[in-house]
Amino acid sequence: MYNLPPSYSYCQQSPSYSDGDDRVFRKKRSEITGKQRVAANERERKRMNSINRGFDHLRQRLPTTSQDKKLSKVR
């Protein structure tokens, strides 16, 4: 059909106007900037570190059957 950059989308125009092509191209609003992506990655990294610290804390308090084997899942 049309080769457009991924940052464009289309929608139908009102039926009162027609010149043979009923599509209007608009720039997407939901594009994420590089700074936003970096900030989101940092938040996710902090979240995962917090979860891992919580599991480490829990492992210290659980009785283990073998000191050689690290718990990978808590049931």
PDB file of N, CA and C in Angstrom:
ATOM      1  N   MET A   1       0.832  -1.166   0.000  1.00  0.00           N
ATOM      2  CA  MET A   1       0.000   0.000   0.000  1.00  0.00           C
ATOM      3  C   MET A   1       0.888   1.245   0.000  1.00  0.00           C
ATOM      4  N   TYR A   2       1.164   1.837   1.155  1.00  0.00           N
ATOM      5  CA  TYR A   2       2.034   3.002   1.255  1.00  0.00           C
ATOM      6  C   TYR A   2       3.237   2.647   2.099  1.00  0.00           C
ATOM      7  N   ASN A   3       4.387   3.148   1.727  1.00  0.00           N
ATOM      8  CA  ASN A   3       5.581   2.968   2.543  1.00  0.00           C
ATOM      9  C   ASN A   3       5.781   4.226   3.367  1.00  0.00           C
ATOM     10  N   LEU A   4       5.414   4.146   4.636  1.00  0.00           N
ATOM     11  CA  LEU A   4       5.523   5.290   5.535  1.00  0.00           C
ATOM     12  C   LEU A   4       6.461   4.956   6.671  1.00  0.00           C
ATOM     13  N   PRO A   5       7.092   5.975   7.246  1.00  0.00           N
ATOM     14  CA  PRO A   5       7.922   5.723   8.423  1.00  0.00           C
ATOM     15  C   PRO A   5       7.052   5.189   9.556  1.00  0.00           C
ATOM     16  N   PRO A   6       7.615   4.378  10.463  1.00  0.00           N
ATOM     17  CA  PRO A   6       6.825   3.803  11.552  1.00  0.00           C
ATOM     18  C   PRO A   6       6.244   4.835  12.495  1.00  0.00           C
ATOM     19  N   SER A   7       6.676   6.093  12.430  1.00  0.00           N
ATOM     20  CA  SER A   7       6.170   7.117  13.336  1.00  0.00           C
ATOM     21  C   SER A   7       4.867   7.743  12.829  1.00  0.00           C
ATOM     22  N   TYR A   8       4.301   7.237  11.750  1.00  0.00           N
ATOM     23  CA  TYR A   8       3.063   7.789  11.219  1.00  0.00           C
ATOM     24  C   TYR A   8       1.945   6.753  11.280  1.00  0.00           C
ATOM     25  N   SER A   9       0.752   7.222  11.526  1.00  0.00           N
ATOM     26  CA  SER A   9      -0.428   6.371  11.487  1.00  0.00           C
ATOM     27  C   SER A   9      -1.494   7.098  10.688  1.00  0.00           C
ATOM     28  N   TYR A  10      -2.576   6.421  10.380  1.00  0.00           N
ATOM     29  CA  TYR A  10      -3.624   7.087   9.626  1.00  0.00           C
ATOM     30  C   TYR A  10      -4.977   6.871  10.278  1.00  0.00           C
ATOM     31  N   CYS A  11      -5.889   7.774   9.954  1.00  0.00           N
ATOM     32  CA  CYS A  11      -7.264   7.646  10.411  1.00  0.00           C
ATOM     33  C   CYS A  11      -8.173   8.127   9.296  1.00  0.00           C
ATOM     34  N   GLN A  12      -9.439   7.770   9.348  1.00  0.00           N
ATOM     35  CA  GLN A  12     -10.402   8.165   8.331  1.00  0.00           C
ATOM     36  C   GLN A  12     -10.807   9.623   8.524  1.00  0.00           C
ATOM     37  N   GLN A  13     -10.981  10.336   7.420  1.00  0.00           N
ATOM     38  CA  GLN A  13     -11.498  11.696   7.477  1.00  0.00           C
ATOM     39  C   GLN A  13     -13.017  11.642   7.541  1.00  0.00           C
ATOM     40  N   SER A  14     -13.615  12.794   7.795  1.00  0.00           N
ATOM     41  CA  SER A  14     -15.076  12.848   7.816  1.00  0.00           C
ATOM     42  C   SER A  14     -15.612  12.632   6.410  1.00  0.00           C
ATOM     43  N   PRO A  15     -16.794  12.033   6.267  1.00  0.00           N
ATOM     44  CA  PRO A  15     -17.342  11.741   4.944  1.00  0.00           C
ATOM     45  C   PRO A  15     -17.663  12.991   4.126  1.00  0.00           C
ATOM     46  N   SER A  16     -17.742  14.170   4.750  1.00  0.00           N
ATOM     47  CA  SER A  16     -18.086  15.384   4.018  1.00  0.00           C
ATOM     48  C   SER A  16     -16.956  15.840   3.094  1.00  0.00           C
ATOM     49  N   TYR A  17     -15.740  15.361   3.288  1.00  0.00           N
ATOM     50  CA  TYR A  17     -14.604  15.766   2.466  1.00  0.00           C
ATOM     51  C   TYR A  17     -14.022  14.531   1.814  1.00  0.00           C
ATOM     52  N   SER A  18     -13.867  14.578   0.499  1.00  0.00           N
ATOM     53  CA  SER A  18     -13.281  13.436  -0.183  1.00  0.00           C
ATOM     54  C   SER A  18     -12.588  13.910  -1.455  1.00  0.00           C
ATOM     55  N   ASP A  19     -11.312  13.562  -1.567  1.00  0.00           N
ATOM     56  CA  ASP A  19     -10.577  13.870  -2.789  1.00  0.00           C
ATOM     57  C   ASP A  19     -10.026  12.587  -3.395  1.00  0.00           C
ATOM     58  N   GLY A  20     -10.639  11.473  -3.063  1.00  0.00           N
ATOM     59  CA  GLY A  20     -10.182  10.198  -3.587  1.00  0.00           C
ATOM     60  C   GLY A  20      -9.359   9.414  -2.591  1.00  0.00           C
ATOM     61  N   ASP A  21      -8.716  10.084  -1.656  1.00  0.00           N
ATOM     62  CA  ASP A  21      -7.931   9.399  -0.623  1.00  0.00           C
ATOM     63  C   ASP A  21      -8.453   9.857   0.730  1.00  0.00           C
ATOM     64  N   ASP A  22      -9.048   8.945   1.476  1.00  0.00           N
ATOM     65  CA  ASP A  22      -9.704   9.289   2.738  1.00  0.00           C
ATOM     66  C   ASP A  22      -8.785   9.171   3.948  1.00  0.00           C
ATOM     67  N   ARG A  23      -7.493   9.116   3.735  1.00  0.00           N
ATOM     68  CA  ARG A  23      -6.581   8.939   4.868  1.00  0.00           C
ATOM     69  C   ARG A  23      -5.868  10.239   5.206  1.00  0.00           C
ATOM     70  N   VAL A  24      -5.725  10.484   6.500  1.00  0.00           N
ATOM     71  CA  VAL A  24      -4.967  11.631   6.993  1.00  0.00           C
ATOM     72  C   VAL A  24      -3.832  11.066   7.816  1.00  0.00           C
ATOM     73  N   PHE A  25      -2.625  11.531   7.584  1.00  0.00           N
ATOM     74  CA  PHE A  25      -1.476  11.002   8.304  1.00  0.00           C
ATOM     75  C   PHE A  25      -1.117  11.932   9.449  1.00  0.00           C
ATOM     76  N   ARG A  26      -0.929  11.318  10.609  1.00  0.00           N
ATOM     77  CA  ARG A  26      -0.581  12.073  11.816  1.00  0.00           C
ATOM     78  C   ARG A  26       0.634  11.447  12.472  1.00  0.00           C
ATOM     79  N   LYS A  27       1.394  12.263  13.166  1.00  0.00           N
ATOM     80  CA  LYS A  27       2.533  11.773  13.926  1.00  0.00           C
ATOM     81  C   LYS A  27       2.019  11.138  15.213  1.00  0.00           C
ATOM     82  N   LYS A  28       2.544   9.982  15.570  1.00  0.00           N
ATOM     83  CA  LYS A  28       2.143   9.317  16.813  1.00  0.00           C
ATOM     84  C   LYS A  28       2.594  10.123  18.015  1.00  0.00           C
ATOM     85  N   ARG A  29       1.745  10.185  19.035  1.00  0.00           N
ATOM     86  CA  ARG A  29       2.089  10.908  20.258  1.00  0.00           C
ATOM     87  C   ARG A  29       2.822  10.026  21.254  1.00  0.00           C
ATOM     88  N   SER A  30       2.708   8.724  21.081  1.00  0.00           N
ATOM     89  CA  SER A  30       3.225   7.818  22.102  1.00  0.00           C
ATOM     90  C   SER A  30       4.684   7.417  21.889  1.00  0.00           C
ATOM     91  N   GLU A  31       5.426   8.182  21.119  1.00  0.00           N
ATOM     92  CA  GLU A  31       6.842   7.856  20.939  1.00  0.00           C
ATOM     93  C   GLU A  31       7.597   8.141  22.231  1.00  0.00           C
ATOM     94  N   ILE A  32       8.493   7.258  22.581  1.00  0.00           N
ATOM     95  CA  ILE A  32       9.262   7.394  23.815  1.00  0.00           C
ATOM     96  C   ILE A  32      10.629   7.966  23.471  1.00  0.00           C
ATOM     97  N   THR A  33      11.011   9.011  24.186  1.00  0.00           N
ATOM     98  CA  THR A  33      12.312   9.624  23.936  1.00  0.00           C
ATOM     99  C   THR A  33      13.415   8.776  24.565  1.00  0.00           C
ATOM    100  N   GLY A  34      14.636   9.038  24.177  1.00  0.00           N
ATOM    101  CA  GLY A  34      15.773   8.304  24.728  1.00  0.00           C
ATOM    102  C   GLY A  34      15.905   8.494  26.225  1.00  0.00           C
ATOM    103  N   LYS A  35      15.662   9.710  26.709  1.00  0.00           N
ATOM    104  CA  LYS A  35      15.764   9.987  28.147  1.00  0.00           C
ATOM    105  C   LYS A  35      14.709   9.217  28.922  1.00  0.00           C
ATOM    106  N   GLN A  36      13.493   9.141  28.371  1.00  0.00           N
ATOM    107  CA  GLN A  36      12.427   8.395  29.043  1.00  0.00           C
ATOM    108  C   GLN A  36      12.770   6.911  29.107  1.00  0.00           C
ATOM    109  N   ARG A  37      13.354   6.380  28.040  1.00  0.00           N
ATOM    110  CA  ARG A  37      13.715   4.962  27.999  1.00  0.00           C
ATOM    111  C   ARG A  37      14.813   4.672  29.019  1.00  0.00           C
ATOM    112  N   VAL A  38      15.812   5.552  29.104  1.00  0.00           N
ATOM    113  CA  VAL A  38      16.896   5.387  30.078  1.00  0.00           C
ATOM    114  C   VAL A  38      16.338   5.426  31.494  1.00  0.00           C
ATOM    115  N   ALA A  39      15.420   6.357  31.757  1.00  0.00           N
ATOM    116  CA  ALA A  39      14.816   6.465  33.088  1.00  0.00           C
ATOM    117  C   ALA A  39      13.999   5.221  33.413  1.00  0.00           C
ATOM    118  N   ALA A  40      13.250   4.711  32.439  1.00  0.00           N
ATOM    119  CA  ALA A  40      12.456   3.500  32.660  1.00  0.00           C
ATOM    120  C   ALA A  40      13.361   2.305  32.923  1.00  0.00           C
ATOM    121  N   ASN A  41      14.466   2.207  32.196  1.00  0.00           N
ATOM    122  CA  ASN A  41      15.413   1.108  32.416  1.00  0.00           C
ATOM    123  C   ASN A  41      16.008   1.176  33.818  1.00  0.00           C
ATOM    124  N   GLU A  42      16.329   2.383  34.268  1.00  0.00           N
ATOM    125  CA  GLU A  42      16.897   2.548  35.607  1.00  0.00           C
ATOM    126  C   GLU A  42      15.886   2.143  36.685  1.00  0.00           C
ATOM    127  N   ARG A  43      14.630   2.550  36.501  1.00  0.00           N
ATOM    128  CA  ARG A  43      13.589   2.157  37.469  1.00  0.00           C
ATOM    129  C   ARG A  43      13.424   0.643  37.511  1.00  0.00           C
ATOM    130  N   GLU A  44      13.438   0.003  36.355  1.00  0.00           N
ATOM    131  CA  GLU A  44      13.296  -1.455  36.306  1.00  0.00           C
ATOM    132  C   GLU A  44      14.493  -2.141  36.958  1.00  0.00           C
ATOM    133  N   ARG A  45      15.689  -1.614  36.729  1.00  0.00           N
ATOM    134  CA  ARG A  45      16.891  -2.179  37.347  1.00  0.00           C
ATOM    135  C   ARG A  45      16.810  -2.086  38.866  1.00  0.00           C
ATOM    136  N   LYS A  46      16.376  -0.930  39.374  1.00  0.00           N
ATOM    137  CA  LYS A  46      16.227  -0.755  40.825  1.00  0.00           C
ATOM    138  C   LYS A  46      15.168  -1.700  41.386  1.00  0.00           C
ATOM    139  N   ARG A  47      14.072  -1.864  40.641  1.00  0.00           N
ATOM    140  CA  ARG A  47      13.003  -2.760  41.081  1.00  0.00           C
ATOM    141  C   ARG A  47      13.506  -4.202  41.184  1.00  0.00           C
ATOM    142  N   MET A  48      14.239  -4.649  40.170  1.00  0.00           N
ATOM    143  CA  MET A  48      14.759  -6.020  40.182  1.00  0.00           C
ATOM    144  C   MET A  48      15.790  -6.207  41.289  1.00  0.00           C
ATOM    145  N   ASN A  49      16.639  -5.208  41.522  1.00  0.00           N
ATOM    146  CA  ASN A  49      17.610  -5.301  42.616  1.00  0.00           C
ATOM    147  C   ASN A  49      16.905  -5.413  43.957  1.00  0.00           C
ATOM    148  N   SER A  50      15.828  -4.668  44.133  1.00  0.00           N
ATOM    149  CA  SER A  50      15.063  -4.722  45.374  1.00  0.00           C
ATOM    150  C   SER A  50      14.438  -6.103  45.569  1.00  0.00           C
ATOM    151  N   ILE A  51      13.881  -6.656  44.511  1.00  0.00           N
ATOM    152  CA  ILE A  51      13.294  -8.005  44.591  1.00  0.00           C
ATOM    153  C   ILE A  51      14.365  -9.027  44.927  1.00  0.00           C
ATOM    154  N   ASN A  52      15.511  -8.941  44.276  1.00  0.00           N
ATOM    155  CA  ASN A  52      16.597  -9.891  44.539  1.00  0.00           C
ATOM    156  C   ASN A  52      17.110  -9.779  45.968  1.00  0.00           C
ATOM    157  N   ARG A  53      17.208  -8.549  46.499  1.00  0.00           N
ATOM    158  CA  ARG A  53      17.618  -8.381  47.900  1.00  0.00           C
ATOM    159  C   ARG A  53      16.597  -9.015  48.837  1.00  0.00           C
ATOM    160  N   GLY A  54      15.320  -8.871  48.506  1.00  0.00           N
ATOM    161  CA  GLY A  54      14.268  -9.487  49.312  1.00  0.00           C
ATOM    162  C   GLY A  54      14.387 -11.001  49.324  1.00  0.00           C
ATOM    163  N   PHE A  55      14.644 -11.606  48.171  1.00  0.00           N
ATOM    164  CA  PHE A  55      14.821 -13.059  48.113  1.00  0.00           C
ATOM    165  C   PHE A  55      16.083 -13.493  48.856  1.00  0.00           C
ATOM    166  N   ASP A  56      17.157 -12.730  48.754  1.00  0.00           N
ATOM    167  CA  ASP A  56      18.375 -13.050  49.511  1.00  0.00           C
ATOM    168  C   ASP A  56      18.090 -13.022  51.008  1.00  0.00           C
ATOM    169  N   HIS A  57      17.347 -12.025  51.451  1.00  0.00           N
ATOM    170  CA  HIS A  57      16.976 -11.895  52.863  1.00  0.00           C
ATOM    171  C   HIS A  57      16.131 -13.091  53.291  1.00  0.00           C
ATOM    172  N   LEU A  58      15.195 -13.491  52.448  1.00  0.00           N
ATOM    173  CA  LEU A  58      14.334 -14.631  52.754  1.00  0.00           C
ATOM    174  C   LEU A  58      15.136 -15.932  52.804  1.00  0.00           C
ATOM    175  N   ARG A  59      16.068 -16.112  51.880  1.00  0.00           N
ATOM    176  CA  ARG A  59      16.895 -17.328  51.863  1.00  0.00           C
ATOM    177  C   ARG A  59      17.711 -17.472  53.145  1.00  0.00           C
ATOM    178  N   GLN A  60      18.150 -16.349  53.718  1.00  0.00           N
ATOM    179  CA  GLN A  60      18.938 -16.400  54.953  1.00  0.00           C
ATOM    180  C   GLN A  60      18.098 -16.913  56.116  1.00  0.00           C
ATOM    181  N   ARG A  61      16.806 -16.720  56.065  1.00  0.00           N
ATOM    182  CA  ARG A  61      15.937 -17.113  57.165  1.00  0.00           C
ATOM    183  C   ARG A  61      15.271 -18.469  56.980  1.00  0.00           C
ATOM    184  N   LEU A  62      15.344 -19.036  55.789  1.00  0.00           N
ATOM    185  CA  LEU A  62      14.745 -20.345  55.543  1.00  0.00           C
ATOM    186  C   LEU A  62      15.740 -21.450  55.879  1.00  0.00           C
ATOM    187  N   PRO A  63      15.242 -22.527  56.497  1.00  0.00           N
ATOM    188  CA  PRO A  63      16.141 -23.665  56.722  1.00  0.00           C
ATOM    189  C   PRO A  63      16.439 -24.350  55.386  1.00  0.00           C
ATOM    190  N   THR A  64      17.693 -24.697  55.201  1.00  0.00           N
ATOM    191  CA  THR A  64      18.077 -25.374  53.961  1.00  0.00           C
ATOM    192  C   THR A  64      18.393 -26.822  54.255  1.00  0.00           C
ATOM    193  N   THR A  65      18.165 -27.668  53.274  1.00  0.00           N
ATOM    194  CA  THR A  65      18.479 -29.085  53.431  1.00  0.00           C
ATOM    195  C   THR A  65      19.940 -29.345  53.110  1.00  0.00           C
ATOM    196  N   SER A  66      20.491 -28.537  52.238  1.00  0.00           N
ATOM    197  CA  SER A  66      21.886 -28.699  51.860  1.00  0.00           C
ATOM    198  C   SER A  66      22.528 -27.324  51.739  1.00  0.00           C
ATOM    199  N   GLN A  67      23.683 -27.146  52.356  1.00  0.00           N
ATOM    200  CA  GLN A  67      24.388 -25.869  52.286  1.00  0.00           C
ATOM    201  C   GLN A  67      25.005 -25.652  50.901  1.00  0.00           C
ATOM    202  N   ASP A  68      25.195 -26.736  50.149  1.00  0.00           N
ATOM    203  CA  ASP A  68      25.818 -26.623  48.831  1.00  0.00           C
ATOM    204  C   ASP A  68      24.850 -26.091  47.775  1.00  0.00           C
ATOM    205  N   LYS A  69      23.577 -26.340  47.996  1.00  0.00           N
ATOM    206  CA  LYS A  69      22.594 -26.004  46.978  1.00  0.00           C
ATOM    207  C   LYS A  69      21.882 -24.695  47.316  1.00  0.00           C
ATOM    208  N   LYS A  70      21.931 -23.742  46.398  1.00  0.00           N
ATOM    209  CA  LYS A  70      21.267 -22.462  46.592  1.00  0.00           C
ATOM    210  C   LYS A  70      19.801 -22.587  46.163  1.00  0.00           C
ATOM    211  N   LEU A  71      18.914 -21.993  46.948  1.00  0.00           N
ATOM    212  CA  LEU A  71      17.502 -22.028  46.596  1.00  0.00           C
ATOM    213  C   LEU A  71      17.251 -21.122  45.394  1.00  0.00           C
ATOM    214  N   SER A  72      16.643 -21.663  44.379  1.00  0.00           N
ATOM    215  CA  SER A  72      16.321 -20.831  43.227  1.00  0.00           C
ATOM    216  C   SER A  72      14.857 -20.430  43.233  1.00  0.00           C
ATOM    217  N   LYS A  73      14.009 -21.242  43.863  1.00  0.00           N
ATOM    218  CA  LYS A  73      12.589 -20.919  43.936  1.00  0.00           C
ATOM    219  C   LYS A  73      12.110 -21.167  45.354  1.00  0.00           C
ATOM    220  N   VAL A  74      11.248 -20.305  45.823  1.00  0.00           N
ATOM    221  CA  VAL A  74      10.672 -20.471  47.154  1.00  0.00           C
ATOM    222  C   VAL A  74       9.276 -21.017  46.967  1.00  0.00           C
ATOM    223  N   ARG A  75       8.992 -22.154  47.588  1.00  0.00           N
ATOM    224  CA  ARG A  75       7.660 -22.769  47.472  1.00  0.00           C
ATOM    225  C   ARG A  75       6.969 -22.761  48.790  1.00  0.00           C
TER     226      ARG A  75
END
